[in-house]
Amino acid sequence: MKHGVPLAIVNPNGTSSECPQCGSKLEENGYRRLKCPRCGFEGDRDVIGKLNIRKRALKKLRIKANPGGVLAPLTAPQMTDVNPNRWGEPMSRR
């Protein structure tokens, strides 16, 4: 936990060469583009790396929070709307 938020440290090795949908090895498909030969997923290598890091972190958090599998809901306080005129109505100045 850091500032009341769950924290998962993930090893980034291999995250941009693995398909985030099916786990297969990706093949180059142009400059910085990768494509999965198995399921057809295609994307930029940085986006693919981000998706895989997120997937690994969520998997770690699920195991830590509940060995059965479901991540418990976060208990952070909800944001409140601080703009009283969010719909654009004219404001009366008094």
PDB file of N, CA and C in Angstrom:
ATOM      1  N   MET A   1       0.851  -1.189   0.000  1.00  0.00           N
ATOM      2  CA  MET A   1       0.000   0.000   0.000  1.00  0.00           C
ATOM      3  C   MET A   1       0.885   1.237   0.000  1.00  0.00           C
ATOM      4  N   LYS A   2       0.498   2.207  -0.829  1.00  0.00           N
ATOM      5  CA  LYS A   2       1.182   3.489  -0.856  1.00  0.00           C
ATOM      6  C   LYS A   2       0.113   4.562  -0.947  1.00  0.00           C
ATOM      7  N   HIS A   3       0.043   5.422   0.041  1.00  0.00           N
ATOM      8  CA  HIS A   3      -0.982   6.464   0.121  1.00  0.00           C
ATOM      9  C   HIS A   3      -2.393   5.862   0.056  1.00  0.00           C
ATOM     10  N   GLY A   4      -2.576   4.689   0.630  1.00  0.00           N
ATOM     11  CA  GLY A   4      -3.884   4.048   0.666  1.00  0.00           C
ATOM     12  C   GLY A   4      -4.272   3.334  -0.613  1.00  0.00           C
ATOM     13  N   VAL A   5      -3.359   3.235  -1.572  1.00  0.00           N
ATOM     14  CA  VAL A   5      -3.645   2.586  -2.856  1.00  0.00           C
ATOM     15  C   VAL A   5      -2.791   1.322  -2.949  1.00  0.00           C
ATOM     16  N   PRO A   6      -3.375   0.200  -3.394  1.00  0.00           N
ATOM     17  CA  PRO A   6      -2.579  -1.017  -3.537  1.00  0.00           C
ATOM     18  C   PRO A   6      -1.450  -0.809  -4.549  1.00  0.00           C
ATOM     19  N   LEU A   7      -0.281  -1.355  -4.254  1.00  0.00           N
ATOM     20  CA  LEU A   7       0.892  -1.199  -5.105  1.00  0.00           C
ATOM     21  C   LEU A   7       1.415  -2.579  -5.465  1.00  0.00           C
ATOM     22  N   ALA A   8       1.662  -2.797  -6.759  1.00  0.00           N
ATOM     23  CA  ALA A   8       2.236  -4.060  -7.218  1.00  0.00           C
ATOM     24  C   ALA A   8       3.470  -3.747  -8.049  1.00  0.00           C
ATOM     25  N   ILE A   9       4.596  -4.298  -7.666  1.00  0.00           N
ATOM     26  CA  ILE A   9       5.832  -4.107  -8.422  1.00  0.00           C
ATOM     27  C   ILE A   9       5.947  -5.270  -9.400  1.00  0.00           C
ATOM     28  N   VAL A  10       6.114  -4.914 -10.686  1.00  0.00           N
ATOM     29  CA  VAL A  10       6.099  -5.903 -11.757  1.00  0.00           C
ATOM     30  C   VAL A  10       7.418  -5.871 -12.514  1.00  0.00           C
ATOM     31  N   ASN A  11       7.951  -7.039 -12.823  1.00  0.00           N
ATOM     32  CA  ASN A  11       9.151  -7.145 -13.649  1.00  0.00           C
ATOM     33  C   ASN A  11       8.742  -6.879 -15.109  1.00  0.00           C
ATOM     34  N   PRO A  12       9.314  -5.839 -15.755  1.00  0.00           N
ATOM     35  CA  PRO A  12       8.903  -5.487 -17.114  1.00  0.00           C
ATOM     36  C   PRO A  12       9.532  -6.340 -18.214  1.00  0.00           C
ATOM     37  N   ASN A  13      10.416  -7.296 -17.862  1.00  0.00           N
ATOM     38  CA  ASN A  13      11.080  -8.113 -18.885  1.00  0.00           C
ATOM     39  C   ASN A  13      10.076  -8.869 -19.748  1.00  0.00           C
ATOM     40  N   GLY A  14      10.207  -8.720 -21.063  1.00  0.00           N
ATOM     41  CA  GLY A  14       9.381  -9.464 -22.007  1.00  0.00           C
ATOM     42  C   GLY A  14       7.979  -8.936 -22.205  1.00  0.00           C
ATOM     43  N   THR A  15       7.654  -7.807 -21.589  1.00  0.00           N
ATOM     44  CA  THR A  15       6.264  -7.326 -21.691  1.00  0.00           C
ATOM     45  C   THR A  15       5.903  -6.806 -23.072  1.00  0.00           C
ATOM     46  N   SER A  16       6.879  -6.361 -23.859  1.00  0.00           N
ATOM     47  CA  SER A  16       6.523  -5.841 -25.180  1.00  0.00           C
ATOM     48  C   SER A  16       6.682  -6.891 -26.276  1.00  0.00           C
ATOM     49  N   SER A  17       6.936  -8.136 -25.926  1.00  0.00           N
ATOM     50  CA  SER A  17       7.049  -9.169 -26.948  1.00  0.00           C
ATOM     51  C   SER A  17       6.031 -10.286 -26.762  1.00  0.00           C
ATOM     52  N   GLU A  18       5.107 -10.096 -25.822  1.00  0.00           N
ATOM     53  CA  GLU A  18       4.082 -11.105 -25.534  1.00  0.00           C
ATOM     54  C   GLU A  18       2.700 -10.529 -25.822  1.00  0.00           C
ATOM     55  N   CYS A  19       1.851 -11.296 -26.491  1.00  0.00           N
ATOM     56  CA  CYS A  19       0.504 -10.828 -26.824  1.00  0.00           C
ATOM     57  C   CYS A  19      -0.318 -10.642 -25.542  1.00  0.00           C
ATOM     58  N   PRO A  20      -0.915  -9.448 -25.341  1.00  0.00           N
ATOM     59  CA  PRO A  20      -1.705  -9.226 -24.126  1.00  0.00           C
ATOM     60  C   PRO A  20      -3.044  -9.979 -24.129  1.00  0.00           C
ATOM     61  N   GLN A  21      -3.455 -10.501 -25.287  1.00  0.00           N
ATOM     62  CA  GLN A  21      -4.721 -11.230 -25.341  1.00  0.00           C
ATOM     63  C   GLN A  21      -4.558 -12.732 -25.144  1.00  0.00           C
ATOM     64  N   CYS A  22      -3.591 -13.326 -25.876  1.00  0.00           N
ATOM     65  CA  CYS A  22      -3.480 -14.787 -25.812  1.00  0.00           C
ATOM     66  C   CYS A  22      -2.148 -15.290 -25.261  1.00  0.00           C
ATOM     67  N   GLY A  23      -1.154 -14.388 -25.078  1.00  0.00           N
ATOM     68  CA  GLY A  23       0.120 -14.780 -24.499  1.00  0.00           C
ATOM     69  C   GLY A  23       1.153 -15.303 -25.482  1.00  0.00           C
ATOM     70  N   SER A  24       0.837 -15.340 -26.775  1.00  0.00           N
ATOM     71  CA  SER A  24       1.787 -15.820 -27.785  1.00  0.00           C
ATOM     72  C   SER A  24       2.906 -14.819 -28.014  1.00  0.00           C
ATOM     73  N   LYS A  25       3.984 -15.284 -28.645  1.00  0.00           N
ATOM     74  CA  LYS A  25       5.107 -14.414 -28.999  1.00  0.00           C
ATOM     75  C   LYS A  25       4.691 -13.564 -30.201  1.00  0.00           C
ATOM     76  N   LEU A  26       4.911 -12.239 -30.095  1.00  0.00           N
ATOM     77  CA  LEU A  26       4.534 -11.314 -31.163  1.00  0.00           C
ATOM     78  C   LEU A  26       5.610 -11.243 -32.233  1.00  0.00           C
ATOM     79  N   GLU A  27       5.188 -10.891 -33.454  1.00  0.00           N
ATOM     80  CA  GLU A  27       6.108 -10.731 -34.577  1.00  0.00           C
ATOM     81  C   GLU A  27       6.092  -9.283 -35.033  1.00  0.00           C
ATOM     82  N   GLU A  28       7.250  -8.806 -35.538  1.00  0.00           N
ATOM     83  CA  GLU A  28       7.335  -7.429 -36.032  1.00  0.00           C
ATOM     84  C   GLU A  28       6.427  -7.260 -37.246  1.00  0.00           C
ATOM     85  N   ASN A  29       5.774  -6.089 -37.308  1.00  0.00           N
ATOM     86  CA  ASN A  29       4.865  -5.782 -38.405  1.00  0.00           C
ATOM     87  C   ASN A  29       5.035  -4.311 -38.788  1.00  0.00           C
ATOM     88  N   GLY A  30       6.277  -3.892 -39.000  1.00  0.00           N
ATOM     89  CA  GLY A  30       6.563  -2.499 -39.307  1.00  0.00           C
ATOM     90  C   GLY A  30       7.330  -1.854 -38.165  1.00  0.00           C
ATOM     91  N   TYR A  31       7.603  -0.567 -38.313  1.00  0.00           N
ATOM     92  CA  TYR A  31       8.370   0.174 -37.320  1.00  0.00           C
ATOM     93  C   TYR A  31       7.586   0.290 -36.015  1.00  0.00           C
ATOM     94  N   ARG A  32       8.097  -0.316 -34.959  1.00  0.00           N
ATOM     95  CA  ARG A  32       7.513  -0.293 -33.615  1.00  0.00           C
ATOM     96  C   ARG A  32       6.137  -0.946 -33.531  1.00  0.00           C
ATOM     97  N   ARG A  33       5.704  -1.648 -34.561  1.00  0.00           N
ATOM     98  CA  ARG A  33       4.406  -2.326 -34.569  1.00  0.00           C
ATOM     99  C   ARG A  33       4.639  -3.828 -34.448  1.00  0.00           C
ATOM    100  N   LEU A  34       3.814  -4.471 -33.652  1.00  0.00           N
ATOM    101  CA  LEU A  34       3.902  -5.908 -33.475  1.00  0.00           C
ATOM    102  C   LEU A  34       2.528  -6.524 -33.731  1.00  0.00           C
ATOM    103  N   LYS A  35       2.533  -7.772 -34.206  1.00  0.00           N
ATOM    104  CA  LYS A  35       1.274  -8.465 -34.493  1.00  0.00           C
ATOM    105  C   LYS A  35       1.368  -9.900 -33.979  1.00  0.00           C
ATOM    106  N   CYS A  36       0.252 -10.375 -33.453  1.00  0.00           N
ATOM    107  CA  CYS A  36       0.189 -11.743 -32.946  1.00  0.00           C
ATOM    108  C   CYS A  36      -0.223 -12.673 -34.089  1.00  0.00           C
ATOM    109  N   PRO A  37       0.585 -13.695 -34.376  1.00  0.00           N
ATOM    110  CA  PRO A  37       0.226 -14.624 -35.446  1.00  0.00           C
ATOM    111  C   PRO A  37      -0.935 -15.546 -35.062  1.00  0.00           C
ATOM    112  N   ARG A  38      -1.186 -15.658 -33.768  1.00  0.00           N
ATOM    113  CA  ARG A  38      -2.233 -16.575 -33.297  1.00  0.00           C
ATOM    114  C   ARG A  38      -3.624 -15.932 -33.279  1.00  0.00           C
ATOM    115  N   CYS A  39      -3.761 -14.747 -32.650  1.00  0.00           N
ATOM    116  CA  CYS A  39      -5.098 -14.135 -32.503  1.00  0.00           C
ATOM    117  C   CYS A  39      -5.289 -12.890 -33.363  1.00  0.00           C
ATOM    118  N   GLY A  40      -4.199 -12.353 -33.962  1.00  0.00           N
ATOM    119  CA  GLY A  40      -4.320 -11.189 -34.832  1.00  0.00           C
ATOM    120  C   GLY A  40      -4.209  -9.849 -34.140  1.00  0.00           C
ATOM    121  N   PHE A  41      -4.006  -9.835 -32.820  1.00  0.00           N
ATOM    122  CA  PHE A  41      -3.856  -8.566 -32.096  1.00  0.00           C
ATOM    123  C   PHE A  41      -2.667  -7.809 -32.669  1.00  0.00           C
ATOM    124  N   GLU A  42      -2.821  -6.487 -32.839  1.00  0.00           N
ATOM    125  CA  GLU A  42      -1.755  -5.668 -33.386  1.00  0.00           C
ATOM    126  C   GLU A  42      -1.687  -4.355 -32.626  1.00  0.00           C
ATOM    127  N   GLY A  43      -0.471  -3.860 -32.380  1.00  0.00           N
ATOM    128  CA  GLY A  43      -0.340  -2.595 -31.679  1.00  0.00           C
ATOM    129  C   GLY A  43       1.092  -2.118 -31.597  1.00  0.00           C
ATOM    130  N   ASP A  44       1.265  -0.909 -31.068  1.00  0.00           N
ATOM    131  CA  ASP A  44       2.578  -0.330 -30.837  1.00  0.00           C
ATOM    132  C   ASP A  44       3.243  -1.058 -29.676  1.00  0.00           C
ATOM    133  N   ARG A  45       4.556  -1.249 -29.767  1.00  0.00           N
ATOM    134  CA  ARG A  45       5.249  -2.026 -28.738  1.00  0.00           C
ATOM    135  C   ARG A  45       5.160  -1.397 -27.354  1.00  0.00           C
ATOM    136  N   ASP A  46       5.116  -0.059 -27.250  1.00  0.00           N
ATOM    137  CA  ASP A  46       4.983   0.583 -25.933  1.00  0.00           C
ATOM    138  C   ASP A  46       3.599   0.340 -25.331  1.00  0.00           C
ATOM    139  N   VAL A  47       2.569   0.394 -26.161  1.00  0.00           N
ATOM    140  CA  VAL A  47       1.194   0.147 -25.696  1.00  0.00           C
ATOM    141  C   VAL A  47       1.061  -1.306 -25.261  1.00  0.00           C
ATOM    142  N   ILE A  48       1.633  -2.210 -26.038  1.00  0.00           N
ATOM    143  CA  ILE A  48       1.595  -3.635 -25.686  1.00  0.00           C
ATOM    144  C   ILE A  48       2.308  -3.881 -24.362  1.00  0.00           C
ATOM    145  N   GLY A  49       3.462  -3.242 -24.163  1.00  0.00           N
ATOM    146  CA  GLY A  49       4.182  -3.371 -22.901  1.00  0.00           C
ATOM    147  C   GLY A  49       3.358  -2.877 -21.731  1.00  0.00           C
ATOM    148  N   LYS A  50       2.688  -1.737 -21.916  1.00  0.00           N
ATOM    149  CA  LYS A  50       1.831  -1.177 -20.857  1.00  0.00           C
ATOM    150  C   LYS A  50       0.693  -2.131 -20.512  1.00  0.00           C
ATOM    151  N   LEU A  51       0.059  -2.693 -21.541  1.00  0.00           N
ATOM    152  CA  LEU A  51      -1.046  -3.622 -21.306  1.00  0.00           C
ATOM    153  C   LEU A  51      -0.587  -4.857 -20.535  1.00  0.00           C
ATOM    154  N   ASN A  52       0.589  -5.364 -20.879  1.00  0.00           N
ATOM    155  CA  ASN A  52       1.099  -6.548 -20.191  1.00  0.00           C
ATOM    156  C   ASN A  52       1.534  -6.250 -18.760  1.00  0.00           C
ATOM    157  N   ILE A  53       2.117  -5.072 -18.531  1.00  0.00           N
ATOM    158  CA  ILE A  53       2.479  -4.685 -17.155  1.00  0.00           C
ATOM    159  C   ILE A  53       1.216  -4.564 -16.310  1.00  0.00           C
ATOM    160  N   ARG A  54       0.185  -3.936 -16.862  1.00  0.00           N
ATOM    161  CA  ARG A  54      -1.096  -3.801 -16.155  1.00  0.00           C
ATOM    162  C   ARG A  54      -1.675  -5.177 -15.831  1.00  0.00           C
ATOM    163  N   LYS A  55      -1.627  -6.082 -16.811  1.00  0.00           N
ATOM    164  CA  LYS A  55      -2.159  -7.435 -16.637  1.00  0.00           C
ATOM    165  C   LYS A  55      -1.412  -8.177 -15.516  1.00  0.00           C
ATOM    166  N   ARG A  56      -0.082  -8.061 -15.504  1.00  0.00           N
ATOM    167  CA  ARG A  56       0.712  -8.710 -14.461  1.00  0.00           C
ATOM    168  C   ARG A  56       0.435  -8.110 -13.081  1.00  0.00           C
ATOM    169  N   ALA A  57       0.290  -6.780 -13.029  1.00  0.00           N
ATOM    170  CA  ALA A  57       0.021  -6.116 -11.747  1.00  0.00           C
ATOM    171  C   ALA A  57      -1.339  -6.532 -11.202  1.00  0.00           C
ATOM    172  N   LEU A  58      -2.352  -6.556 -12.059  1.00  0.00           N
ATOM    173  CA  LEU A  58      -3.688  -6.963 -11.607  1.00  0.00           C
ATOM    174  C   LEU A  58      -3.688  -8.406 -11.136  1.00  0.00           C
ATOM    175  N   LYS A  59      -2.932  -9.249 -11.816  1.00  0.00           N
ATOM    176  CA  LYS A  59      -2.847 -10.648 -11.398  1.00  0.00           C
ATOM    177  C   LYS A  59      -2.215 -10.748 -10.010  1.00  0.00           C
ATOM    178  N   LYS A  60      -1.152  -9.992  -9.770  1.00  0.00           N
ATOM    179  CA  LYS A  60      -0.506  -9.983  -8.453  1.00  0.00           C
ATOM    180  C   LYS A  60      -1.462  -9.473  -7.375  1.00  0.00           C
ATOM    181  N   LEU A  61      -2.179  -8.387  -7.682  1.00  0.00           N
ATOM    182  CA  LEU A  61      -3.095  -7.812  -6.697  1.00  0.00           C
ATOM    183  C   LEU A  61      -4.243  -8.761  -6.384  1.00  0.00           C
ATOM    184  N   ARG A  62      -4.747  -9.471  -7.379  1.00  0.00           N
ATOM    185  CA  ARG A  62      -5.833 -10.433  -7.143  1.00  0.00           C
ATOM    186  C   ARG A  62      -5.365 -11.542  -6.211  1.00  0.00           C
ATOM    187  N   ILE A  63      -4.182 -12.044  -6.461  1.00  0.00           N
ATOM    188  CA  ILE A  63      -3.651 -13.133  -5.627  1.00  0.00           C
ATOM    189  C   ILE A  63      -3.419 -12.643  -4.201  1.00  0.00           C
ATOM    190  N   LYS A  64      -2.881 -11.424  -4.053  1.00  0.00           N
ATOM    191  CA  LYS A  64      -2.588 -10.873  -2.730  1.00  0.00           C
ATOM    192  C   LYS A  64      -3.883 -10.554  -1.972  1.00  0.00           C
ATOM    193  N   ALA A  65      -4.879  -9.978  -2.664  1.00  0.00           N
ATOM    194  CA  ALA A  65      -6.113  -9.554  -2.004  1.00  0.00           C
ATOM    195  C   ALA A  65      -7.027 -10.729  -1.695  1.00  0.00           C
ATOM    196  N   ASN A  66      -7.074 -11.680  -2.601  1.00  0.00           N
ATOM    197  CA  ASN A  66      -7.997 -12.790  -2.444  1.00  0.00           C
ATOM    198  C   ASN A  66      -7.432 -13.989  -3.195  1.00  0.00           C
ATOM    199  N   PRO A  67      -6.881 -14.957  -2.513  1.00  0.00           N
ATOM    200  CA  PRO A  67      -6.313 -16.107  -3.210  1.00  0.00           C
ATOM    201  C   PRO A  67      -7.318 -16.806  -4.127  1.00  0.00           C
ATOM    202  N   GLY A  68      -8.602 -16.583  -3.922  1.00  0.00           N
ATOM    203  CA  GLY A  68      -9.626 -17.156  -4.784  1.00  0.00           C
ATOM    204  C   GLY A  68      -9.724 -16.473  -6.130  1.00  0.00           C
ATOM    205  N   GLY A  69      -9.276 -15.218  -6.236  1.00  0.00           N
ATOM    206  CA  GLY A  69      -9.219 -14.592  -7.536  1.00  0.00           C
ATOM    207  C   GLY A  69      -9.789 -13.208  -7.720  1.00  0.00           C
ATOM    208  N   VAL A  70     -10.782 -12.764  -6.977  1.00  0.00           N
ATOM    209  CA  VAL A  70     -11.408 -11.477  -7.268  1.00  0.00           C
ATOM    210  C   VAL A  70     -10.764 -10.374  -6.433  1.00  0.00           C
ATOM    211  N   LEU A  71     -10.416  -9.269  -7.092  1.00  0.00           N
ATOM    212  CA  LEU A  71      -9.817  -8.135  -6.400  1.00  0.00           C
ATOM    213  C   LEU A  71     -10.895  -7.418  -5.594  1.00  0.00           C
ATOM    214  N   ALA A  72     -10.617  -7.175  -4.342  1.00  0.00           N
ATOM    215  CA  ALA A  72     -11.566  -6.468  -3.488  1.00  0.00           C
ATOM    216  C   ALA A  72     -11.705  -5.022  -3.950  1.00  0.00           C
ATOM    217  N   PRO A  73     -12.889  -4.422  -3.816  1.00  0.00           N
ATOM    218  CA  PRO A  73     -13.070  -3.028  -4.239  1.00  0.00           C
ATOM    219  C   PRO A  73     -12.197  -2.089  -3.409  1.00  0.00           C
ATOM    220  N   LEU A  74     -11.708  -1.045  -4.054  1.00  0.00           N
ATOM    221  CA  LEU A  74     -10.870  -0.078  -3.361  1.00  0.00           C
ATOM    222  C   LEU A  74     -11.707   0.736  -2.388  1.00  0.00           C
ATOM    223  N   THR A  75     -11.104   1.175  -1.296  1.00  0.00           N
ATOM    224  CA  THR A  75     -11.840   1.921  -0.290  1.00  0.00           C
ATOM    225  C   THR A  75     -11.399   3.376  -0.228  1.00  0.00           C
ATOM    226  N   ALA A  76     -10.779   3.881  -1.303  1.00  0.00           N
ATOM    227  CA  ALA A  76     -10.336   5.272  -1.332  1.00  0.00           C
ATOM    228  C   ALA A  76     -11.547   6.199  -1.324  1.00  0.00           C
ATOM    229  N   PRO A  77     -11.427   7.386  -0.707  1.00  0.00           N
ATOM    230  CA  PRO A  77     -12.552   8.320  -0.696  1.00  0.00           C
ATOM    231  C   PRO A  77     -12.901   8.773  -2.110  1.00  0.00           C
ATOM    232  N   GLN A  78     -14.173   9.029  -2.348  1.00  0.00           N
ATOM    233  CA  GLN A  78     -14.641   9.452  -3.659  1.00  0.00           C
ATOM    234  C   GLN A  78     -14.336  10.927  -3.889  1.00  0.00           C
ATOM    235  N   MET A  79     -14.083  11.290  -5.145  1.00  0.00           N
ATOM    236  CA  MET A  79     -13.862  12.683  -5.513  1.00  0.00           C
ATOM    237  C   MET A  79     -15.185  13.429  -5.428  1.00  0.00           C
ATOM    238  N   THR A  80     -15.139  14.675  -5.046  1.00  0.00           N
ATOM    239  CA  THR A  80     -16.358  15.489  -5.035  1.00  0.00           C
ATOM    240  C   THR A  80     -16.222  16.577  -6.081  1.00  0.00           C
ATOM    241  N   ASP A  81     -17.336  16.989  -6.652  1.00  0.00           N
ATOM    242  CA  ASP A  81     -17.344  18.011  -7.687  1.00  0.00           C
ATOM    243  C   ASP A  81     -17.177  19.372  -7.018  1.00  0.00           C
ATOM    244  N   VAL A  82     -16.102  20.071  -7.352  1.00  0.00           N
ATOM    245  CA  VAL A  82     -15.839  21.351  -6.718  1.00  0.00           C
ATOM    246  C   VAL A  82     -16.254  22.529  -7.597  1.00  0.00           C
ATOM    247  N   ASN A  83     -16.669  22.264  -8.840  1.00  0.00           N
ATOM    248  CA  ASN A  83     -17.090  23.325  -9.739  1.00  0.00           C
ATOM    249  C   ASN A  83     -18.613  23.467  -9.656  1.00  0.00           C
ATOM    250  N   PRO A  84     -19.129  24.535  -9.059  1.00  0.00           N
ATOM    251  CA  PRO A  84     -20.576  24.660  -8.892  1.00  0.00           C
ATOM    252  C   PRO A  84     -21.299  24.962 -10.208  1.00  0.00           C
ATOM    253  N   ASN A  85     -20.577  25.334 -11.245  1.00  0.00           N
ATOM    254  CA  ASN A  85     -21.222  25.729 -12.496  1.00  0.00           C
ATOM    255  C   ASN A  85     -20.747  24.838 -13.640  1.00  0.00           C
ATOM    256  N   ARG A  86     -20.809  23.557 -13.455  1.00  0.00           N
ATOM    257  CA  ARG A  86     -20.266  22.659 -14.469  1.00  0.00           C
ATOM    258  C   ARG A  86     -21.146  22.554 -15.708  1.00  0.00           C
ATOM    259  N   TRP A  87     -22.381  22.985 -15.664  1.00  0.00           N
ATOM    260  CA  TRP A  87     -23.271  22.887 -16.833  1.00  0.00           C
ATOM    261  C   TRP A  87     -23.258  24.158 -17.669  1.00  0.00           C
ATOM    262  N   GLY A  88     -22.564  25.190 -17.237  1.00  0.00           N
ATOM    263  CA  GLY A  88     -22.437  26.395 -18.048  1.00  0.00           C
ATOM    264  C   GLY A  88     -23.573  27.391 -17.877  1.00  0.00           C
ATOM    265  N   GLU A  89     -24.422  27.245 -16.853  1.00  0.00           N
ATOM    266  CA  GLU A  89     -25.477  28.225 -16.631  1.00  0.00           C
ATOM    267  C   GLU A  89     -24.867  29.548 -16.213  1.00  0.00           C
ATOM    268  N   PRO A  90     -25.502  30.666 -16.561  1.00  0.00           N
ATOM    269  CA  PRO A  90     -24.974  31.946 -16.129  1.00  0.00           C
ATOM    270  C   PRO A  90     -24.970  32.027 -14.596  1.00  0.00           C
ATOM    271  N   MET A  91     -23.892  32.549 -14.050  1.00  0.00           N
ATOM    272  CA  MET A  91     -23.786  32.688 -12.601  1.00  0.00           C
ATOM    273  C   MET A  91     -24.211  34.080 -12.192  1.00  0.00           C
ATOM    274  N   SER A  92     -24.979  34.156 -11.147  1.00  0.00           N
ATOM    275  CA  SER A  92     -25.388  35.477 -10.655  1.00  0.00           C
ATOM    276  C   SER A  92     -24.335  35.959  -9.662  1.00  0.00           C
ATOM    277  N   ARG A  93     -23.795  37.109  -9.934  1.00  0.00           N
ATOM    278  CA  ARG A  93     -22.782  37.693  -9.040  1.00  0.00           C
ATOM    279  C   ARG A  93     -23.483  38.668  -8.099  1.00  0.00           C
ATOM    280  N   ARG A  94     -23.341  38.482  -6.825  1.00  0.00           N
ATOM    281  CA  ARG A  94     -24.022  39.334  -5.856  1.00  0.00           C
ATOM    282  C   ARG A  94     -23.053  40.114  -5.067  1.00  0.00           C
TER     283      ARG A  94
END
